[in-house]
């Protein structure tokens, strides 16, 4: 009985974190954008301490974009050298509600 309860609690804990789009990397990205404002990808990577662009895009940027927490300043030209990323209104709400 105790083992079944323990297993149920563990599953509930995992399902709760799986539905939360604000993982540690995304939270770190949000806090940088909140403090610094819109930044280019190279500046964002520098601020979070990463040099490997695929890792940054896969773990930080894409999840934040998919969750609607971050947006491009030039959405019609995503490969523009002047492209920057900024918090959306939802991203600002998440930053103020959740300590990162």
PDB file of N, CA and C in Angstrom:
ATOM      1  N   UNK A   1       0.827  -1.194   0.000  1.00  0.00           N
ATOM      2  CA  UNK A   1       0.000   0.000   0.000  1.00  0.00           C
ATOM      3  C   UNK A   1       0.867   1.253   0.000  1.00  0.00           C
ATOM      4  N   UNK A   2       1.854   1.288   0.886  1.00  0.00           N
ATOM      5  CA  UNK A   2       2.746   2.436   0.982  1.00  0.00           C
ATOM      6  C   UNK A   2       3.550   2.616  -0.307  1.00  0.00           C
ATOM      7  N   UNK A   3       3.950   1.503  -0.899  1.00  0.00           N
ATOM      8  CA  UNK A   3       4.708   1.565  -2.142  1.00  0.00           C
ATOM      9  C   UNK A   3       3.839   2.132  -3.275  1.00  0.00           C
ATOM     10  N   UNK A   4       2.581   1.725  -3.334  1.00  0.00           N
ATOM     11  CA  UNK A   4       1.671   2.233  -4.356  1.00  0.00           C
ATOM     12  C   UNK A   4       1.446   3.737  -4.194  1.00  0.00           C
ATOM     13  N   UNK A   5       1.317   4.181  -2.971  1.00  0.00           N
ATOM     14  CA  UNK A   5       1.139   5.607  -2.697  1.00  0.00           C
ATOM     15  C   UNK A   5       2.389   6.389  -3.097  1.00  0.00           C
ATOM     16  N   UNK A   6       3.528   5.859  -2.771  1.00  0.00           N
ATOM     17  CA  UNK A   6       4.794   6.499  -3.121  1.00  0.00           C
ATOM     18  C   UNK A   6       4.944   6.609  -4.637  1.00  0.00           C
ATOM     19  N   UNK A   7       4.584   5.543  -5.351  1.00  0.00           N
ATOM     20  CA  UNK A   7       4.652   5.542  -6.806  1.00  0.00           C
ATOM     21  C   UNK A   7       3.685   6.567  -7.397  1.00  0.00           C
ATOM     22  N   UNK A   8       2.482   6.648  -6.864  1.00  0.00           N
ATOM     23  CA  UNK A   8       1.493   7.616  -7.350  1.00  0.00           C
ATOM     24  C   UNK A   8       1.969   9.051  -7.134  1.00  0.00           C
ATOM     25  N   UNK A   9       2.558   9.321  -5.990  1.00  0.00           N
ATOM     26  CA  UNK A   9       3.083  10.658  -5.714  1.00  0.00           C
ATOM     27  C   UNK A   9       4.227  11.013  -6.654  1.00  0.00           C
ATOM     28  N   UNK A  10       5.098  10.059  -6.936  1.00  0.00           N
ATOM     29  CA  UNK A  10       6.223  10.288  -7.841  1.00  0.00           C
ATOM     30  C   UNK A  10       5.722  10.575  -9.254  1.00  0.00           C
ATOM     31  N   UNK A  11       4.712   9.826  -9.716  1.00  0.00           N
ATOM     32  CA  UNK A  11       4.139  10.064 -11.041  1.00  0.00           C
ATOM     33  C   UNK A  11       3.480  11.435 -11.116  1.00  0.00           C
ATOM     34  N   UNK A  12       2.790  11.836 -10.081  1.00  0.00           N
ATOM     35  CA  UNK A  12       2.150  13.147 -10.059  1.00  0.00           C
ATOM     36  C   UNK A  12       3.188  14.257 -10.122  1.00  0.00           C
ATOM     37  N   UNK A  13       4.295  14.075  -9.423  1.00  0.00           N
ATOM     38  CA  UNK A  13       5.354  15.079  -9.431  1.00  0.00           C
ATOM     39  C   UNK A  13       5.955  15.202 -10.821  1.00  0.00           C
ATOM     40  N   UNK A  14       6.186  14.082 -11.503  1.00  0.00           N
ATOM     41  CA  UNK A  14       6.759  14.107 -12.848  1.00  0.00           C
ATOM     42  C   UNK A  14       5.785  14.698 -13.859  1.00  0.00           C
ATOM     43  N   UNK A  15       4.516  14.394 -13.762  1.00  0.00           N
ATOM     44  CA  UNK A  15       3.548  14.935 -14.723  1.00  0.00           C
ATOM     45  C   UNK A  15       3.372  16.427 -14.528  1.00  0.00           C
ATOM     46  N   UNK A  16       3.516  16.907 -13.307  1.00  0.00           N
ATOM     47  CA  UNK A  16       3.412  18.337 -13.028  1.00  0.00           C
ATOM     48  C   UNK A  16       4.550  19.089 -13.691  1.00  0.00           C
ATOM     49  N   UNK A  17       5.779  18.588 -13.591  1.00  0.00           N
ATOM     50  CA  UNK A  17       6.920  19.272 -14.192  1.00  0.00           C
ATOM     51  C   UNK A  17       6.928  19.105 -15.700  1.00  0.00           C
ATOM     52  N   UNK A  18       6.370  18.030 -16.225  1.00  0.00           N
ATOM     53  CA  UNK A  18       6.336  17.835 -17.667  1.00  0.00           C
ATOM     54  C   UNK A  18       5.411  18.836 -18.340  1.00  0.00           C
ATOM     55  N   UNK A  19       4.369  19.289 -17.661  1.00  0.00           N
ATOM     56  CA  UNK A  19       3.439  20.250 -18.229  1.00  0.00           C
ATOM     57  C   UNK A  19       3.891  21.689 -18.052  1.00  0.00           C
ATOM     58  N   UNK A  20       4.919  21.923 -17.280  1.00  0.00           N
ATOM     59  CA  UNK A  20       5.411  23.265 -17.020  1.00  0.00           C
ATOM     60  C   UNK A  20       6.421  23.650 -18.095  1.00  0.00           C
ATOM     61  N   UNK A  21       6.098  24.651 -18.947  1.00  0.00           N
ATOM     62  CA  UNK A  21       7.021  25.031 -20.011  1.00  0.00           C
ATOM     63  C   UNK A  21       8.244  25.763 -19.499  1.00  0.00           C
ATOM     64  N   UNK A  22       8.239  26.174 -18.236  1.00  0.00           N
ATOM     65  CA  UNK A  22       9.353  26.935 -17.702  1.00  0.00           C
ATOM     66  C   UNK A  22      10.331  25.994 -17.002  1.00  0.00           C
ATOM     67  N   UNK A  23      11.187  25.370 -17.818  1.00  0.00           N
ATOM     68  CA  UNK A  23      12.256  24.540 -17.286  1.00  0.00           C
ATOM     69  C   UNK A  23      13.362  25.453 -16.777  1.00  0.00           C
ATOM     70  N   UNK A  24      14.377  24.896 -16.150  1.00  0.00           N
ATOM     71  CA  UNK A  24      15.483  25.719 -15.665  1.00  0.00           C
ATOM     72  C   UNK A  24      16.129  26.536 -16.786  1.00  0.00           C
ATOM     73  N   UNK A  25      16.455  25.921 -17.954  1.00  0.00           N
ATOM     74  CA  UNK A  25      17.040  26.729 -19.025  1.00  0.00           C
ATOM     75  C   UNK A  25      16.111  27.845 -19.511  1.00  0.00           C
ATOM     76  N   UNK A  26      14.830  27.539 -19.676  1.00  0.00           N
ATOM     77  CA  UNK A  26      13.881  28.562 -20.132  1.00  0.00           C
ATOM     78  C   UNK A  26      13.759  29.664 -19.079  1.00  0.00           C
ATOM     79  N   UNK A  27      13.711  29.295 -17.826  1.00  0.00           N
ATOM     80  CA  UNK A  27      13.642  30.285 -16.755  1.00  0.00           C
ATOM     81  C   UNK A  27      14.850  31.200 -16.752  1.00  0.00           C
ATOM     82  N   UNK A  28      16.016  30.624 -17.002  1.00  0.00           N
ATOM     83  CA  UNK A  28      17.241  31.417 -17.065  1.00  0.00           C
ATOM     84  C   UNK A  28      17.172  32.400 -18.235  1.00  0.00           C
ATOM     85  N   UNK A  29      16.696  31.934 -19.385  1.00  0.00           N
ATOM     86  CA  UNK A  29      16.541  32.794 -20.557  1.00  0.00           C
ATOM     87  C   UNK A  29      15.569  33.933 -20.267  1.00  0.00           C
ATOM     88  N   UNK A  30      14.451  33.622 -19.632  1.00  0.00           N
ATOM     89  CA  UNK A  30      13.456  34.638 -19.305  1.00  0.00           C
ATOM     90  C   UNK A  30      14.028  35.689 -18.362  1.00  0.00           C
ATOM     91  N   UNK A  31      14.787  35.269 -17.380  1.00  0.00           N
ATOM     92  CA  UNK A  31      15.341  36.236 -16.433  1.00  0.00           C
ATOM     93  C   UNK A  31      16.370  37.144 -17.106  1.00  0.00           C
ATOM     94  N   UNK A  32      17.142  36.611 -18.055  1.00  0.00           N
ATOM     95  CA  UNK A  32      18.102  37.441 -18.794  1.00  0.00           C
ATOM     96  C   UNK A  32      17.354  38.475 -19.629  1.00  0.00           C
ATOM     97  N   UNK A  33      16.327  38.040 -20.347  1.00  0.00           N
ATOM     98  CA  UNK A  33      15.566  38.979 -21.177  1.00  0.00           C
ATOM     99  C   UNK A  33      14.842  40.009 -20.322  1.00  0.00           C
ATOM    100  N   UNK A  34      14.390  39.615 -19.154  1.00  0.00           N
ATOM    101  CA  UNK A  34      13.728  40.553 -18.252  1.00  0.00           C
ATOM    102  C   UNK A  34      14.709  41.628 -17.780  1.00  0.00           C
ATOM    103  N   UNK A  35      15.925  41.231 -17.488  1.00  0.00           N
ATOM    104  CA  UNK A  35      16.929  42.166 -16.969  1.00  0.00           C
ATOM    105  C   UNK A  35      17.553  43.025 -18.063  1.00  0.00           C
ATOM    106  N   UNK A  36      17.766  42.444 -19.242  1.00  0.00           N
ATOM    107  CA  UNK A  36      18.522  43.132 -20.286  1.00  0.00           C
ATOM    108  C   UNK A  36      17.679  43.697 -21.427  1.00  0.00           C
ATOM    109  N   UNK A  37      16.445  43.211 -21.593  1.00  0.00           N
ATOM    110  CA  UNK A  37      15.633  43.640 -22.735  1.00  0.00           C
ATOM    111  C   UNK A  37      15.954  42.800 -23.963  1.00  0.00           C
ATOM    112  N   UNK A  38      15.461  43.203 -25.146  1.00  0.00           N
ATOM    113  CA  UNK A  38      15.681  42.428 -26.372  1.00  0.00           C
ATOM    114  C   UNK A  38      17.170  42.254 -26.677  1.00  0.00           C
ATOM    115  N   UNK A  39      17.554  41.015 -27.021  1.00  0.00           N
ATOM    116  CA  UNK A  39      18.956  40.713 -27.314  1.00  0.00           C
ATOM    117  C   UNK A  39      19.077  39.812 -28.535  1.00  0.00           C
ATOM    118  N   UNK A  40      20.221  39.922 -29.226  1.00  0.00           N
ATOM    119  CA  UNK A  40      20.551  39.011 -30.315  1.00  0.00           C
ATOM    120  C   UNK A  40      20.891  37.657 -29.714  1.00  0.00           C
ATOM    121  N   UNK A  41      20.835  36.625 -30.552  1.00  0.00           N
ATOM    122  CA  UNK A  41      21.091  35.271 -30.064  1.00  0.00           C
ATOM    123  C   UNK A  41      22.498  35.137 -29.478  1.00  0.00           C
ATOM    124  N   UNK A  42      23.479  35.770 -30.099  1.00  0.00           N
ATOM    125  CA  UNK A  42      24.852  35.676 -29.585  1.00  0.00           C
ATOM    126  C   UNK A  42      24.968  36.316 -28.201  1.00  0.00           C
ATOM    127  N   UNK A  43      24.264  37.426 -27.995  1.00  0.00           N
ATOM    128  CA  UNK A  43      24.288  38.081 -26.690  1.00  0.00           C
ATOM    129  C   UNK A  43      23.549  37.249 -25.636  1.00  0.00           C
ATOM    130  N   UNK A  44      22.442  36.640 -26.037  1.00  0.00           N
ATOM    131  CA  UNK A  44      21.705  35.765 -25.119  1.00  0.00           C
ATOM    132  C   UNK A  44      22.567  34.580 -24.693  1.00  0.00           C
ATOM    133  N   UNK A  45      23.245  33.981 -25.668  1.00  0.00           N
ATOM    134  CA  UNK A  45      24.100  32.836 -25.369  1.00  0.00           C
ATOM    135  C   UNK A  45      25.207  33.228 -24.399  1.00  0.00           C
ATOM    136  N   UNK A  46      25.779  34.375 -24.616  1.00  0.00           N
ATOM    137  CA  UNK A  46      26.834  34.866 -23.731  1.00  0.00           C
ATOM    138  C   UNK A  46      26.299  35.089 -22.315  1.00  0.00           C
ATOM    139  N   UNK A  47      25.121  35.665 -22.204  1.00  0.00           N
ATOM    140  CA  UNK A  47      24.523  35.951 -20.897  1.00  0.00           C
ATOM    141  C   UNK A  47      24.205  34.692 -20.097  1.00  0.00           C
ATOM    142  N   UNK A  48      23.784  33.618 -20.792  1.00  0.00           N
ATOM    143  CA  UNK A  48      23.477  32.377 -20.074  1.00  0.00           C
ATOM    144  C   UNK A  48      24.697  31.467 -19.960  1.00  0.00           C
ATOM    145  N   UNK A  49      25.806  31.863 -20.578  1.00  0.00           N
ATOM    146  CA  UNK A  49      27.053  31.117 -20.440  1.00  0.00           C
ATOM    147  C   UNK A  49      27.188  29.919 -21.356  1.00  0.00           C
ATOM    148  N   UNK A  50      26.612  29.990 -22.543  1.00  0.00           N
ATOM    149  CA  UNK A  50      26.726  28.894 -23.506  1.00  0.00           C
ATOM    150  C   UNK A  50      27.437  29.359 -24.770  1.00  0.00           C
ATOM    151  N   UNK A  51      28.163  28.441 -25.405  1.00  0.00           N
ATOM    152  CA  UNK A  51      28.838  28.745 -26.661  1.00  0.00           C
ATOM    153  C   UNK A  51      28.335  27.862 -27.804  1.00  0.00           C
ATOM    154  N   UNK A  52      27.623  26.788 -27.484  1.00  0.00           N
ATOM    155  CA  UNK A  52      27.149  25.834 -28.484  1.00  0.00           C
ATOM    156  C   UNK A  52      25.734  26.209 -28.915  1.00  0.00           C
ATOM    157  N   UNK A  53      25.633  26.765 -30.128  1.00  0.00           N
ATOM    158  CA  UNK A  53      24.348  27.283 -30.604  1.00  0.00           C
ATOM    159  C   UNK A  53      23.250  26.222 -30.672  1.00  0.00           C
ATOM    160  N   UNK A  54      23.505  25.007 -31.176  1.00  0.00           N
ATOM    161  CA  UNK A  54      22.422  24.005 -31.205  1.00  0.00           C
ATOM    162  C   UNK A  54      21.865  23.682 -29.812  1.00  0.00           C
ATOM    163  N   UNK A  55      22.730  23.608 -28.813  1.00  0.00           N
ATOM    164  CA  UNK A  55      22.261  23.358 -27.449  1.00  0.00           C
ATOM    165  C   UNK A  55      21.408  24.511 -26.961  1.00  0.00           C
ATOM    166  N   UNK A  56      21.858  25.727 -27.220  1.00  0.00           N
ATOM    167  CA  UNK A  56      21.102  26.901 -26.796  1.00  0.00           C
ATOM    168  C   UNK A  56      19.734  26.934 -27.461  1.00  0.00           C
ATOM    169  N   UNK A  57      19.712  26.710 -28.761  1.00  0.00           N
ATOM    170  CA  UNK A  57      18.428  26.733 -29.476  1.00  0.00           C
ATOM    171  C   UNK A  57      17.498  25.623 -29.003  1.00  0.00           C
ATOM    172  N   UNK A  58      18.028  24.423 -28.831  1.00  0.00           N
ATOM    173  CA  UNK A  58      17.196  23.278 -28.464  1.00  0.00           C
ATOM    174  C   UNK A  58      16.687  23.296 -27.030  1.00  0.00           C
ATOM    175  N   UNK A  59      17.500  23.773 -26.107  1.00  0.00           N
ATOM    176  CA  UNK A  59      17.131  23.719 -24.692  1.00  0.00           C
ATOM    177  C   UNK A  59      16.581  25.030 -24.136  1.00  0.00           C
ATOM    178  N   UNK A  60      16.922  26.123 -24.744  1.00  0.00           N
ATOM    179  CA  UNK A  60      16.533  27.436 -24.225  1.00  0.00           C
ATOM    180  C   UNK A  60      15.524  28.140 -25.141  1.00  0.00           C
ATOM    181  N   UNK A  61      15.970  28.438 -26.366  1.00  0.00           N
ATOM    182  CA  UNK A  61      15.190  29.317 -27.238  1.00  0.00           C
ATOM    183  C   UNK A  61      13.924  28.678 -27.814  1.00  0.00           C
ATOM    184  N   UNK A  62      14.048  27.508 -28.416  1.00  0.00           N
ATOM    185  CA  UNK A  62      12.862  26.880 -29.037  1.00  0.00           C
ATOM    186  C   UNK A  62      11.743  26.586 -28.038  1.00  0.00           C
ATOM    187  N   UNK A  63      12.056  26.035 -26.858  1.00  0.00           N
ATOM    188  CA  UNK A  63      10.972  25.813 -25.892  1.00  0.00           C
ATOM    189  C   UNK A  63      10.299  27.119 -25.457  1.00  0.00           C
ATOM    190  N   UNK A  64      11.086  28.183 -25.299  1.00  0.00           N
ATOM    191  CA  UNK A  64      10.510  29.472 -24.896  1.00  0.00           C
ATOM    192  C   UNK A  64       9.644  30.054 -26.008  1.00  0.00           C
ATOM    193  N   UNK A  65      10.090  29.924 -27.252  1.00  0.00           N
ATOM    194  CA  UNK A  65       9.292  30.400 -28.389  1.00  0.00           C
ATOM    195  C   UNK A  65       8.006  29.582 -28.523  1.00  0.00           C
ATOM    196  N   UNK A  66       8.116  28.258 -28.404  1.00  0.00           N
ATOM    197  CA  UNK A  66       6.951  27.375 -28.549  1.00  0.00           C
ATOM    198  C   UNK A  66       5.912  27.622 -27.460  1.00  0.00           C
ATOM    199  N   UNK A  67       6.368  27.979 -26.272  1.00  0.00           N
ATOM    200  CA  UNK A  67       5.442  28.240 -25.164  1.00  0.00           C
ATOM    201  C   UNK A  67       4.861  29.643 -25.223  1.00  0.00           C
ATOM    202  N   UNK A  68       5.326  30.459 -26.163  1.00  0.00           N
ATOM    203  CA  UNK A  68       4.808  31.821 -26.281  1.00  0.00           C
ATOM    204  C   UNK A  68       5.357  32.767 -25.225  1.00  0.00           C
ATOM    205  N   UNK A  69       6.495  32.435 -24.648  1.00  0.00           N
ATOM    206  CA  UNK A  69       7.094  33.265 -23.610  1.00  0.00           C
ATOM    207  C   UNK A  69       8.073  34.285 -24.184  1.00  0.00           C
ATOM    208  N   UNK A  70       8.607  33.971 -25.360  1.00  0.00           N
ATOM    209  CA  UNK A  70       9.580  34.815 -26.043  1.00  0.00           C
ATOM    210  C   UNK A  70       9.131  34.953 -27.491  1.00  0.00           C
ATOM    211  N   UNK A  71       9.436  36.106 -28.089  1.00  0.00           N
ATOM    212  CA  UNK A  71       9.100  36.312 -29.497  1.00  0.00           C
ATOM    213  C   UNK A  71      10.262  36.981 -30.215  1.00  0.00           C
ATOM    214  N   UNK A  72      10.245  36.863 -31.539  1.00  0.00           N
ATOM    215  CA  UNK A  72      11.248  37.515 -32.377  1.00  0.00           C
ATOM    216  C   UNK A  72      10.842  38.966 -32.599  1.00  0.00           C
ATOM    217  N   UNK A  73      11.833  39.845 -32.705  1.00  0.00           N
ATOM    218  CA  UNK A  73      11.520  41.239 -33.036  1.00  0.00           C
ATOM    219  C   UNK A  73      11.245  41.396 -34.524  1.00  0.00           C
ATOM    220  N   UNK A  74      11.745  40.478 -35.332  1.00  0.00           N
ATOM    221  CA  UNK A  74      11.520  40.490 -36.780  1.00  0.00           C
ATOM    222  C   UNK A  74      10.977  39.119 -37.218  1.00  0.00           C
ATOM    223  N   UNK A  75       9.729  38.815 -36.893  1.00  0.00           N
ATOM    224  CA  UNK A  75       9.199  37.476 -37.202  1.00  0.00           C
ATOM    225  C   UNK A  75       9.115  37.171 -38.695  1.00  0.00           C
ATOM    226  N   UNK A  76       8.993  38.191 -39.538  1.00  0.00           N
ATOM    227  CA  UNK A  76       8.900  37.945 -40.972  1.00  0.00           C
ATOM    228  C   UNK A  76      10.268  37.664 -41.607  1.00  0.00           C
ATOM    229  N   UNK A  77      11.362  37.902 -40.900  1.00  0.00           N
ATOM    230  CA  UNK A  77      12.692  37.553 -41.400  1.00  0.00           C
ATOM    231  C   UNK A  77      13.517  36.927 -40.268  1.00  0.00           C
ATOM    232  N   UNK A  78      13.228  35.651 -39.962  1.00  0.00           N
ATOM    233  CA  UNK A  78      13.865  34.998 -38.812  1.00  0.00           C
ATOM    234  C   UNK A  78      15.381  34.866 -38.907  1.00  0.00           C
ATOM    235  N   UNK A  79      15.942  34.902 -40.106  1.00  0.00           N
ATOM    236  CA  UNK A  79      17.393  34.761 -40.257  1.00  0.00           C
ATOM    237  C   UNK A  79      18.108  36.094 -40.396  1.00  0.00           C
ATOM    238  N   UNK A  80      17.417  37.174 -40.134  1.00  0.00           N
ATOM    239  CA  UNK A  80      18.010  38.506 -40.241  1.00  0.00           C
ATOM    240  C   UNK A  80      19.156  38.659 -39.246  1.00  0.00           C
ATOM    241  N   UNK A  81      20.255  39.279 -39.668  1.00  0.00           N
ATOM    242  CA  UNK A  81      21.349  39.529 -38.729  1.00  0.00           C
ATOM    243  C   UNK A  81      20.943  40.487 -37.602  1.00  0.00           C
ATOM    244  N   UNK A  82      19.892  41.232 -37.821  1.00  0.00           N
ATOM    245  CA  UNK A  82      19.408  42.175 -36.801  1.00  0.00           C
ATOM    246  C   UNK A  82      18.349  41.553 -35.892  1.00  0.00           C
ATOM    247  N   UNK A  83      18.091  40.249 -36.051  1.00  0.00           N
ATOM    248  CA  UNK A  83      17.058  39.573 -35.254  1.00  0.00           C
ATOM    249  C   UNK A  83      17.389  39.611 -33.762  1.00  0.00           C
ATOM    250  N   UNK A  84      16.406  39.967 -32.979  1.00  0.00           N
ATOM    251  CA  UNK A  84      16.531  39.944 -31.528  1.00  0.00           C
ATOM    252  C   UNK A  84      15.336  39.194 -30.958  1.00  0.00           C
ATOM    253  N   UNK A  85      15.431  38.845 -29.698  1.00  0.00           N
ATOM    254  CA  UNK A  85      14.365  38.132 -29.006  1.00  0.00           C
ATOM    255  C   UNK A  85      13.975  38.928 -27.775  1.00  0.00           C
ATOM    256  N   UNK A  86      12.670  38.957 -27.488  1.00  0.00           N
ATOM    257  CA  UNK A  86      12.155  39.703 -26.340  1.00  0.00           C
ATOM    258  C   UNK A  86      11.065  38.900 -25.661  1.00  0.00           C
ATOM    259  N   UNK A  87      10.768  39.301 -24.423  1.00  0.00           N
ATOM    260  CA  UNK A  87       9.688  38.655 -23.674  1.00  0.00           C
ATOM    261  C   UNK A  87       8.337  39.056 -24.260  1.00  0.00           C
ATOM    262  N   UNK A  88       7.405  38.117 -24.280  1.00  0.00           N
ATOM    263  CA  UNK A  88       6.024  38.429 -24.622  1.00  0.00           C
ATOM    264  C   UNK A  88       5.329  38.871 -23.333  1.00  0.00           C
ATOM    265  N   UNK A  89       4.083  39.280 -23.441  1.00  0.00           N
ATOM    266  CA  UNK A  89       3.330  39.627 -22.236  1.00  0.00           C
ATOM    267  C   UNK A  89       3.223  38.419 -21.300  1.00  0.00           C
ATOM    268  N   UNK A  90       3.004  37.243 -21.892  1.00  0.00           N
ATOM    269  CA  UNK A  90       2.939  36.014 -21.089  1.00  0.00           C
ATOM    270  C   UNK A  90       4.282  35.752 -20.400  1.00  0.00           C
ATOM    271  N   UNK A  91       5.370  35.956 -21.115  1.00  0.00           N
ATOM    272  CA  UNK A  91       6.700  35.782 -20.535  1.00  0.00           C
ATOM    273  C   UNK A  91       6.938  36.734 -19.377  1.00  0.00           C
ATOM    274  N   UNK A  92       6.473  37.964 -19.511  1.00  0.00           N
ATOM    275  CA  UNK A  92       6.612  38.945 -18.423  1.00  0.00           C
ATOM    276  C   UNK A  92       5.808  38.511 -17.203  1.00  0.00           C
ATOM    277  N   UNK A  93       4.613  37.953 -17.441  1.00  0.00           N
ATOM    278  CA  UNK A  93       3.789  37.466 -16.326  1.00  0.00           C
ATOM    279  C   UNK A  93       4.474  36.316 -15.611  1.00  0.00           C
ATOM    280  N   UNK A  94       5.071  35.413 -16.369  1.00  0.00           N
ATOM    281  CA  UNK A  94       5.749  34.257 -15.785  1.00  0.00           C
ATOM    282  C   UNK A  94       6.941  34.726 -14.947  1.00  0.00           C
ATOM    283  N   UNK A  95       7.679  35.686 -15.455  1.00  0.00           N
ATOM    284  CA  UNK A  95       8.854  36.192 -14.727  1.00  0.00           C
ATOM    285  C   UNK A  95       8.440  36.829 -13.405  1.00  0.00           C
ATOM    286  N   UNK A  96       7.360  37.560 -13.400  1.00  0.00           N
ATOM    287  CA  UNK A  96       6.938  38.226 -12.153  1.00  0.00           C
ATOM    288  C   UNK A  96       6.319  37.258 -11.152  1.00  0.00           C
ATOM    289  N   UNK A  97       5.736  36.148 -11.647  1.00  0.00           N
ATOM    290  CA  UNK A  97       5.123  35.157 -10.758  1.00  0.00           C
ATOM    291  C   UNK A  97       6.105  34.160 -10.204  1.00  0.00           C
ATOM    292  N   UNK A  98       7.134  33.817 -10.969  1.00  0.00           N
ATOM    293  CA  UNK A  98       7.975  32.685 -10.638  1.00  0.00           C
ATOM    294  C   UNK A  98       9.424  33.111 -10.439  1.00  0.00           C
ATOM    295  N   UNK A  99       9.975  32.920  -9.267  1.00  0.00           N
ATOM    296  CA  UNK A  99      11.396  33.227  -9.096  1.00  0.00           C
ATOM    297  C   UNK A  99      12.247  32.241  -9.884  1.00  0.00           C
ATOM    298  N   UNK A 100      13.237  32.767 -10.594  1.00  0.00           N
ATOM    299  CA  UNK A 100      14.090  31.924 -11.444  1.00  0.00           C
ATOM    300  C   UNK A 100      15.494  31.901 -10.906  1.00  0.00           C
TER     301      UNK A 100
END
